[in-house]
């Protein structure tokens, strides 16, 4: 009986978490990388911001083969705070332009 209660609690938690994720995705809609604003980027949970920066870097390399894209993990860790600060200064600016300007210096 105890195992059944634990299984039910785990299943309920999974449904709640997936519902939150789905509602967030539905409310934010889909956007191409060049349409994401700095305001949207800085509104993300801080743990996701480096992922967006790495994704933008990989996208900027324009490779059709994902294994051909090399992302400097240390570089992403160093550049993310720069992008966050730049985006806070100009919330209506393009997130993509801020990432591109830093990586292509």
Protein backbone atom coordinates (compact mmCIF):
# COMPACT_ATOMS: atom_id res chain seq x y z
CA UNK A 1 0.00 0.00 0.00
CA UNK A 2 2.85 2.41 0.83
CA UNK A 3 4.49 1.76 -2.57
CA UNK A 4 1.20 2.57 -4.27
CA UNK A 5 1.01 5.92 -2.41
CA UNK A 6 4.57 6.80 -3.37
CA UNK A 7 3.91 5.87 -7.01
CA UNK A 8 0.77 8.01 -7.03
CA UNK A 9 2.67 10.97 -5.53
CA UNK A 10 5.43 10.65 -8.15
CA UNK A 11 2.89 10.40 -10.99
CA UNK A 12 1.04 13.47 -9.68
CA UNK A 13 4.28 15.46 -9.45
CA UNK A 14 5.15 14.52 -13.04
CA UNK A 15 1.77 15.68 -14.30
CA UNK A 16 2.04 18.98 -12.41
CA UNK A 17 5.57 19.66 -13.67
CA UNK A 18 4.71 18.78 -17.26
CA UNK A 19 1.60 20.95 -17.04
CA UNK A 20 3.67 23.93 -15.90
CA UNK A 21 6.16 23.35 -18.72
CA UNK A 22 3.43 23.02 -21.31
CA UNK A 23 1.58 26.12 -20.08
CA UNK A 24 4.83 28.12 -20.13
CA UNK A 25 5.56 27.00 -23.68
CA UNK A 26 2.01 27.77 -24.78
CA UNK A 27 2.00 31.22 -23.18
CA UNK A 28 5.38 32.20 -24.57
CA UNK A 29 4.75 30.87 -28.08
CA UNK A 30 7.41 29.88 -30.54
CA UNK A 31 9.93 32.42 -31.77
CA UNK A 32 12.94 32.28 -33.98
CA UNK A 33 16.18 33.19 -32.28
CA UNK A 34 16.38 36.59 -33.94
CA UNK A 35 12.97 37.55 -32.51
CA UNK A 36 13.79 36.90 -28.83
CA UNK A 37 14.18 40.20 -26.99
CA UNK A 38 16.64 40.92 -24.25
CA UNK A 39 13.69 41.38 -21.92
CA UNK A 40 12.54 37.82 -22.61
CA UNK A 41 16.07 36.50 -22.15
CA UNK A 42 16.64 38.24 -18.81
CA UNK A 43 13.19 37.04 -17.70
CA UNK A 44 14.35 33.43 -17.96
CA UNK A 45 15.43 31.52 -14.90
CA UNK A 46 19.17 32.18 -14.50
CA UNK A 47 19.93 28.47 -14.85
CA UNK A 48 18.55 28.52 -18.43
CA UNK A 49 20.40 31.62 -19.61
CA UNK A 50 23.72 29.86 -20.39
CA UNK A 51 21.78 27.26 -22.38
CA UNK A 52 20.25 30.00 -24.54
CA UNK A 53 23.67 31.57 -25.07
CA UNK A 54 25.18 28.21 -26.06
CA UNK A 55 22.23 27.53 -28.37
CA UNK A 56 22.66 30.95 -30.01
CA UNK A 57 26.39 30.33 -30.44
CA UNK A 58 25.76 26.95 -32.08
CA UNK A 59 23.08 28.49 -34.29
CA UNK A 60 25.45 31.25 -35.36
CA UNK A 61 27.86 28.68 -36.74
CA UNK A 62 25.21 27.69 -39.30
CA UNK A 63 26.06 24.01 -39.46
CA UNK A 64 23.49 21.47 -40.58
CA UNK A 65 25.38 18.70 -38.76
CA UNK A 66 25.15 19.20 -34.95
CA UNK A 67 28.37 17.20 -34.42
CA UNK A 68 30.25 19.82 -36.45
CA UNK A 69 29.31 22.62 -34.03
CA UNK A 70 31.85 23.28 -31.32
CA UNK A 71 30.75 25.29 -28.30
CA UNK A 72 33.31 26.57 -25.83
CA UNK A 73 31.61 25.75 -22.50
CA UNK A 74 34.01 27.97 -20.54
CA UNK A 75 33.43 30.74 -23.04
CA UNK A 76 29.66 30.45 -22.59
CA UNK A 77 30.11 30.68 -18.81
CA UNK A 78 32.17 33.84 -19.22
CA UNK A 79 29.99 35.47 -21.86
CA UNK A 80 26.59 34.83 -20.29
CA UNK A 81 27.02 37.53 -17.58
CA UNK A 82 28.07 40.00 -20.31
CA UNK A 83 24.94 39.22 -22.36
CA UNK A 84 22.75 39.51 -19.24
CA UNK A 85 24.18 42.95 -18.41
CA UNK A 86 23.89 44.18 -21.99
CA UNK A 87 20.31 42.94 -22.15
CA UNK A 88 19.39 44.58 -18.85
CA UNK A 89 20.71 47.87 -20.24
CA UNK A 90 18.64 47.52 -23.43
CA UNK A 91 15.61 45.29 -22.73
CA UNK A 92 13.96 45.94 -26.12
CA UNK A 93 17.12 45.00 -28.04
CA UNK A 94 17.56 41.68 -29.79
CA UNK A 95 19.07 38.92 -27.65
CA UNK A 96 20.56 37.49 -30.84
CA UNK A 97 22.39 40.72 -31.66
CA UNK A 98 23.93 40.85 -28.17
CA UNK A 99 25.21 37.27 -28.40
CA UNK A 100 26.45 37.72 -31.96
CA UNK A 101 28.31 40.93 -31.13
CA UNK A 102 30.19 39.26 -28.26
CA UNK A 103 31.05 35.98 -29.99
CA UNK A 104 32.12 37.57 -33.25
CA UNK A 105 34.56 40.11 -31.81
